[in-house]
Structures are given as C-alpha cells and as structure tokens.
C-alpha cells in the first residue's frame, strides 16, 4: 500500500495515542534512511521506501507501565522483566492498532542467528530525528587513542531514555514527500561532545552523561535503584517491593539487558 504523508501521520498517531499513555514515544522513518548508513550485512531486507517506526521509552515507562506490569504478572518465568514489559506494550499496540497488517517488530534485545542485533537502535533513532547519535567521528581533533563508543542524546530527556523497538510496515511504502528530519544537535561544541563521550565510556555508572542537556524528566529514585542493581540481585530488590511472593515467580537472574552501553536504559 502506497502511503501519503497524511497516512504516515495517521499510523504514527495511532501508535502514539496507544503508547504515549504508558511512557513511550514513536518516530517514523524510511528503511532507506537507515540502510544508507549501514553495510549490507546489517541492512534491513525491506525496500528503501518501506515505512518503519522507532519506539523509545521515556522515564515515565517505569511507573506507568513496568510497575503495573510487575503487579499483575509477578514476572512468572520471565527472563528479563523490563524487556517483557516493553514487548507486551508494543505487541499489544500493534495488534490493537493494525490488526491483520504486516508489521515486522524488532526489539533492541533480540539477536539474529549470526549474533548481530536485529536492528541498530541508535542508528534508527538518529535517522528518524528522535535523538542525535554522537560518535567518535563527530569530534574534531580527537584526543583519544582508544575506541570510544557512541551514545544518543534526546533533546528533551538527554540520556534518560531508551530505544526499545523498530516496527517495519512491510505493506506500506512512502514516496519522496516524506522528508528526513535532522536529529536535534543538542551537544554542538567539541568540548561538550568530548565531555559526553568520556562520561559515557568511562563513568556511565554515575549517570552523569545523561545530564549533558537539561532534561525535562529523569528516572525516579526507585527506577535508578532498579537499574543500578546488578542483574543477579534485582530479584531480591523486587521482592523488597512486594513482588515474587512465591518462589516460582522469580525471574532468571542471569538474564538482563538494561544498559545504555548496549542501547538500553
């Protein structure tokens, strides 16, 4: 189905109406924008004019979606509570908003058989205009000899967000009227970018890189406590919050992916 700009806005509005209530944001993009930045082995298989939508979680997700999810489910048999909460929210939105439509949903924690990620979260966020992906190559006269990993900065949340999923609408194509928006350059100076990348690579545990711009909202103290707790100990933390009253309700403590280093949290 060929889609006009109005159709794209209708699709994103449906998703936004459903997901914004539980702490998500959605941004449309064309597959070609994403593929143009990647080698063939990492590109999506869909045509360049295919519509996709990247889904971000905001600080509100924890209280609006995750804690109610835990209250209801108790995380019975779930390997990672945050990932499963996101999956339920996104899959429910897709089934409710687009019944019978062809939507390829890829989550940030999923890997292909080759062990490569199903999509590169930060690249998707950058080309959609959702967040600027600052990389080592964005710093002139680099002061480092070693490799520095890049990180996305959101114009309103700074680093207090996560890139969670990519939805590819296989039956929806868009033409040249859909113009690629530039991501907001929140950290334009060389000094600021050096500060950001060093804080992210050397001191990511202290949260400071997330405040490179003044955020409108940050993680609550309870959310910070959850993500600062080692994965193997999060079950015990959740128990102190009243979850896992039965032994069978405990998740697998060895499985966790919530780290901005890998594109999460």
Protein backbone atom coordinates (compact mmCIF):
# COMPACT_ATOMS: atom_id res chain seq x y z
CA UNK A 1 0.00 0.00 0.00
CA UNK A 2 1.42 3.39 -1.01
CA UNK A 3 1.10 5.88 1.81
CA UNK A 4 0.91 9.66 1.70
CA UNK A 5 2.37 11.89 4.39
CA UNK A 6 -1.12 12.04 5.88
CA UNK A 7 -1.23 8.23 6.03
CA UNK A 8 2.14 8.16 7.80
CA UNK A 9 0.88 10.71 10.30
CA UNK A 10 -2.23 8.60 10.84
CA UNK A 11 -0.14 5.48 11.52
CA UNK A 12 2.17 7.26 13.96
CA UNK A 13 -0.77 8.99 15.64
CA UNK A 14 -2.47 5.63 16.27
CA UNK A 15 0.72 4.25 17.85
CA UNK A 16 1.40 7.42 19.80
CA UNK A 17 -2.13 7.53 21.19
CA UNK A 18 -1.75 3.96 22.46
CA UNK A 19 1.86 4.01 23.65
CA UNK A 20 2.31 7.55 24.98
CA UNK A 21 -0.03 6.70 27.86
CA UNK A 22 2.50 4.15 29.13
CA UNK A 23 5.70 6.13 28.65
CA UNK A 24 6.72 5.66 25.01
CA UNK A 25 7.45 7.93 22.05
CA UNK A 26 7.27 6.95 18.36
CA UNK A 27 9.10 8.38 15.35
CA UNK A 28 8.62 7.39 11.68
CA UNK A 29 11.44 6.76 9.21
CA UNK A 30 12.06 5.22 5.82
CA UNK A 31 14.02 1.99 5.64
CA UNK A 32 16.32 3.62 3.10
CA UNK A 33 17.42 6.30 5.57
CA UNK A 34 18.51 3.56 7.96
CA UNK A 35 20.09 1.29 5.36
CA UNK A 36 22.10 4.12 3.80
CA UNK A 37 24.30 4.34 6.91
CA UNK A 38 25.00 0.61 7.24
CA UNK A 39 26.98 -2.11 5.46
CA UNK A 40 24.94 -4.75 3.57
CA UNK A 41 25.23 -7.30 6.40
CA UNK A 42 23.36 -5.02 8.80
CA UNK A 43 20.70 -3.59 6.50
CA UNK A 44 17.00 -4.35 6.70
CA UNK A 45 15.67 -6.58 3.92
CA UNK A 46 12.65 -4.40 3.14
CA UNK A 47 12.69 -1.88 0.26
CA UNK A 48 14.10 1.59 0.85
CA UNK A 49 10.68 3.25 0.54
CA UNK A 50 9.15 0.99 3.22
CA UNK A 51 7.80 2.73 6.34
CA UNK A 52 9.27 1.99 9.75
CA UNK A 53 8.70 3.44 13.22
CA UNK A 54 11.23 3.53 16.06
CA UNK A 55 9.86 3.26 19.61
CA UNK A 56 11.58 4.96 22.57
CA UNK A 57 10.83 4.64 26.26
CA UNK A 58 10.83 7.75 28.44
CA UNK A 59 11.38 7.98 32.22
CA UNK A 60 7.61 7.60 32.68
CA UNK A 61 7.68 3.97 31.47
CA UNK A 62 8.84 2.63 34.82
CA UNK A 63 5.90 3.91 36.85
CA UNK A 64 3.27 3.92 34.09
CA UNK A 65 3.96 0.50 32.58
CA UNK A 66 6.65 -1.52 34.33
CA UNK A 67 5.42 -1.43 37.94
CA UNK A 68 1.79 -2.16 36.95
CA UNK A 69 3.09 -4.99 34.77
CA UNK A 70 5.00 -6.41 37.73
CA UNK A 71 1.99 -6.01 39.99
CA UNK A 72 -0.08 -8.03 37.56
CA UNK A 73 2.40 -10.62 36.37
CA UNK A 74 4.85 -11.05 39.22
CA UNK A 75 7.32 -11.82 36.42
CA UNK A 76 6.49 -15.52 36.43
CA UNK A 77 9.02 -17.31 34.27
CA UNK A 78 10.23 -14.11 32.59
CA UNK A 79 13.95 -13.83 31.88
CA UNK A 80 14.03 -10.02 31.94
CA UNK A 81 11.10 -8.05 33.35
CA UNK A 82 11.75 -4.75 31.52
CA UNK A 83 12.14 -6.43 28.14
CA UNK A 84 8.97 -8.46 28.62
CA UNK A 85 7.03 -5.40 29.76
CA UNK A 86 8.12 -3.50 26.65
CA UNK A 87 7.26 -6.47 24.44
CA UNK A 88 3.77 -6.72 25.87
CA UNK A 89 3.12 -2.99 25.46
CA UNK A 90 4.42 -2.82 21.89
CA UNK A 91 2.87 -6.08 20.67
CA UNK A 92 -0.46 -5.08 22.19
CA UNK A 93 -0.30 -1.71 20.43
CA UNK A 94 0.45 -3.36 17.08
CA UNK A 95 -2.35 -5.91 17.38
CA UNK A 96 -4.85 -3.28 18.51
CA UNK A 97 -3.90 -0.56 16.02
CA UNK A 98 -3.05 -2.65 12.95
CA UNK A 99 -4.99 -5.94 13.03
CA UNK A 100 -4.12 -8.15 10.09
CA UNK A 101 -1.38 -5.86 8.79
CA UNK A 102 2.17 -6.99 8.06
CA UNK A 103 4.34 -5.47 10.80
CA UNK A 104 7.84 -6.77 11.48
CA UNK A 105 8.56 -5.97 15.14
CA UNK A 106 12.21 -5.99 16.22
CA UNK A 107 13.23 -5.44 19.84
CA UNK A 108 16.54 -3.97 20.92
CA UNK A 109 17.48 -7.07 22.93
CA UNK A 110 16.93 -9.53 20.06
CA UNK A 111 19.79 -11.08 18.11
CA UNK A 112 19.95 -12.76 14.72
CA UNK A 113 21.43 -16.29 14.42
CA UNK A 114 24.68 -14.55 13.42
CA UNK A 115 24.65 -12.89 16.89
CA UNK A 116 24.25 -9.48 15.28
CA UNK A 117 21.43 -7.29 16.62
CA UNK A 118 18.13 -7.38 14.75
CA UNK A 119 18.43 -3.62 14.36
CA UNK A 120 20.91 -0.93 15.38
CA UNK A 121 18.88 1.08 17.85
CA UNK A 122 20.94 4.25 17.95
CA UNK A 123 21.19 4.46 14.16
CA UNK A 124 17.40 4.13 13.88
CA UNK A 125 16.86 6.87 16.47
CA UNK A 126 19.30 9.17 14.67
CA UNK A 127 17.86 8.85 11.15
CA UNK A 128 14.29 9.29 12.44
CA UNK A 129 15.24 12.60 14.06
CA UNK A 130 14.36 11.30 17.51
CA UNK A 131 17.83 11.66 19.05
CA UNK A 132 21.31 12.62 17.88
CA UNK A 133 23.77 9.71 17.82
CA UNK A 134 27.09 11.20 18.92
CA UNK A 135 30.06 9.14 17.80
CA UNK A 136 33.81 9.41 17.96
CA UNK A 137 33.85 10.65 14.37
CA UNK A 138 31.75 13.68 15.43
CA UNK A 139 34.69 15.08 17.43
CA UNK A 140 37.31 17.04 15.52
CA UNK A 141 40.96 16.51 16.52
CA UNK A 142 40.08 13.55 18.71
CA UNK A 143 42.01 13.40 22.00
CA UNK A 144 41.71 9.61 22.36
CA UNK A 145 43.90 6.79 21.09
CA UNK A 146 41.33 4.12 22.00
CA UNK A 147 37.89 3.43 20.55
CA UNK A 148 35.07 5.44 22.12
CA UNK A 149 31.53 4.09 21.94
CA UNK A 150 28.83 6.47 20.78
CA UNK A 151 25.63 7.43 22.55
CA UNK A 152 22.30 9.04 21.66
CA UNK A 153 21.08 12.24 23.30
CA UNK A 154 17.38 13.12 23.29
CA UNK A 155 16.52 16.83 23.01
CA UNK A 156 14.12 16.70 25.98
CA UNK A 157 15.33 13.75 28.05
CA UNK A 158 19.07 13.90 27.47
CA UNK A 159 20.26 10.37 28.24
CA UNK A 160 17.24 9.47 30.37
CA UNK A 161 15.53 7.31 27.77
CA UNK A 162 15.99 4.04 25.88
CA UNK A 163 15.47 2.84 22.31
CA UNK A 164 13.24 -0.20 22.55
CA UNK A 165 11.87 -1.39 19.22
CA UNK A 166 11.64 -0.92 15.47
CA UNK A 167 8.39 -1.60 13.64
CA UNK A 168 8.68 -2.18 9.90
CA UNK A 169 5.44 -1.92 7.94
CA UNK A 170 6.10 -4.29 5.04
CA UNK A 171 2.96 -3.34 3.16
CA UNK A 172 3.34 0.43 3.45
CA UNK A 173 5.56 2.40 1.09
CA UNK A 174 6.15 6.15 1.16
CA UNK A 175 7.42 8.48 -1.54
CA UNK A 176 9.70 11.48 -1.70
CA UNK A 177 7.16 13.67 0.08
CA UNK A 178 8.34 12.13 3.36
CA UNK A 179 11.41 14.23 4.14
CA UNK A 180 14.07 13.07 6.57
CA UNK A 181 14.22 15.32 9.66
CA UNK A 182 17.65 16.18 11.05
CA UNK A 183 18.19 14.98 14.63
CA UNK A 184 18.47 17.88 17.09
CA UNK A 185 22.15 18.63 17.72
CA UNK A 186 21.92 19.11 21.48
CA UNK A 187 25.69 18.99 22.03
CA UNK A 188 27.15 21.14 19.24
CA UNK A 189 30.54 22.02 20.75
CA UNK A 190 33.69 19.91 20.54
CA UNK A 191 34.21 20.30 24.30
CA UNK A 192 30.66 19.16 25.03
CA UNK A 193 30.99 16.12 22.82
CA UNK A 194 34.28 15.15 24.46
CA UNK A 195 32.62 15.52 27.87
CA UNK A 196 29.66 13.40 26.74
CA UNK A 197 31.68 10.55 25.25
CA UNK A 198 34.14 10.43 28.14
CA UNK A 199 31.32 10.40 30.70
CA UNK A 200 29.56 7.64 28.77
CA UNK A 201 32.64 5.48 28.16
CA UNK A 202 34.49 6.00 31.45
CA UNK A 203 31.79 6.78 34.02
CA UNK A 204 28.48 5.56 32.63
CA UNK A 205 27.52 4.07 36.00
CA UNK A 206 27.35 7.51 37.67
CA UNK A 207 24.51 8.66 35.35
CA UNK A 208 26.30 11.96 34.59
CA UNK A 209 26.33 11.60 30.80
CA UNK A 210 22.55 11.54 30.87
CA UNK A 211 22.52 15.16 32.09
CA UNK A 212 24.60 16.56 29.20
CA UNK A 213 21.49 18.64 28.39
CA UNK A 214 18.95 19.80 30.94
CA UNK A 215 16.27 17.07 30.90
CA UNK A 216 12.57 17.75 31.39
CA UNK A 217 12.27 14.48 33.34
CA UNK A 218 14.72 11.92 34.72
CA UNK A 219 14.40 8.45 36.22
CA UNK A 220 12.76 8.30 39.64
CA UNK A 221 14.89 7.17 42.56
CA UNK A 222 13.19 3.78 42.52
CA UNK A 223 13.96 3.41 38.81
CA UNK A 224 17.59 4.41 39.40
CA UNK A 225 17.83 1.86 42.20
CA UNK A 226 16.49 -0.86 39.91
CA UNK A 227 18.90 -0.19 37.07
CA UNK A 228 21.86 0.37 39.40
CA UNK A 229 21.32 -3.03 40.99
CA UNK A 230 23.33 -5.89 39.42
CA UNK A 231 21.05 -8.18 37.36
CA UNK A 232 21.58 -11.14 39.68
CA UNK A 233 20.33 -9.06 42.63
CA UNK A 234 17.31 -7.42 41.01
CA UNK A 235 15.07 -10.29 42.01
CA UNK A 236 15.85 -9.61 45.65
CA UNK A 237 15.17 -5.88 45.14
CA UNK A 238 11.83 -6.63 43.53
CA UNK A 239 10.97 -8.87 46.46
CA UNK A 240 11.54 -5.94 48.82
CA UNK A 241 8.99 -4.05 46.73
CA UNK A 242 6.43 -6.78 47.33
CA UNK A 243 6.89 -8.93 44.22
CA UNK A 244 7.71 -12.66 43.94
CA UNK A 245 5.84 -13.84 46.98
CA UNK A 246 6.19 -17.37 45.61
CA UNK A 247 9.48 -18.98 44.64
CA UNK A 248 8.06 -19.91 41.24
CA UNK A 249 7.51 -16.22 40.47
CA UNK A 250 11.20 -15.39 40.40
CA UNK A 251 12.82 -14.45 37.07
CA UNK A 252 16.07 -15.84 35.74
CA UNK A 253 18.64 -13.60 37.48
CA UNK A 254 21.32 -14.32 34.88
CA UNK A 255 19.46 -12.68 32.00
CA UNK A 256 19.39 -8.91 31.70
CA UNK A 257 19.96 -6.32 29.04
CA UNK A 258 19.21 -2.98 30.67
CA UNK A 259 22.29 -0.93 29.95
CA UNK A 260 22.78 2.16 27.83
CA UNK A 261 26.08 0.62 26.75
CA UNK A 262 24.08 -1.89 24.70
CA UNK A 263 21.40 0.55 23.67
CA UNK A 264 19.06 0.12 26.63
CA UNK A 265 18.01 2.21 29.59
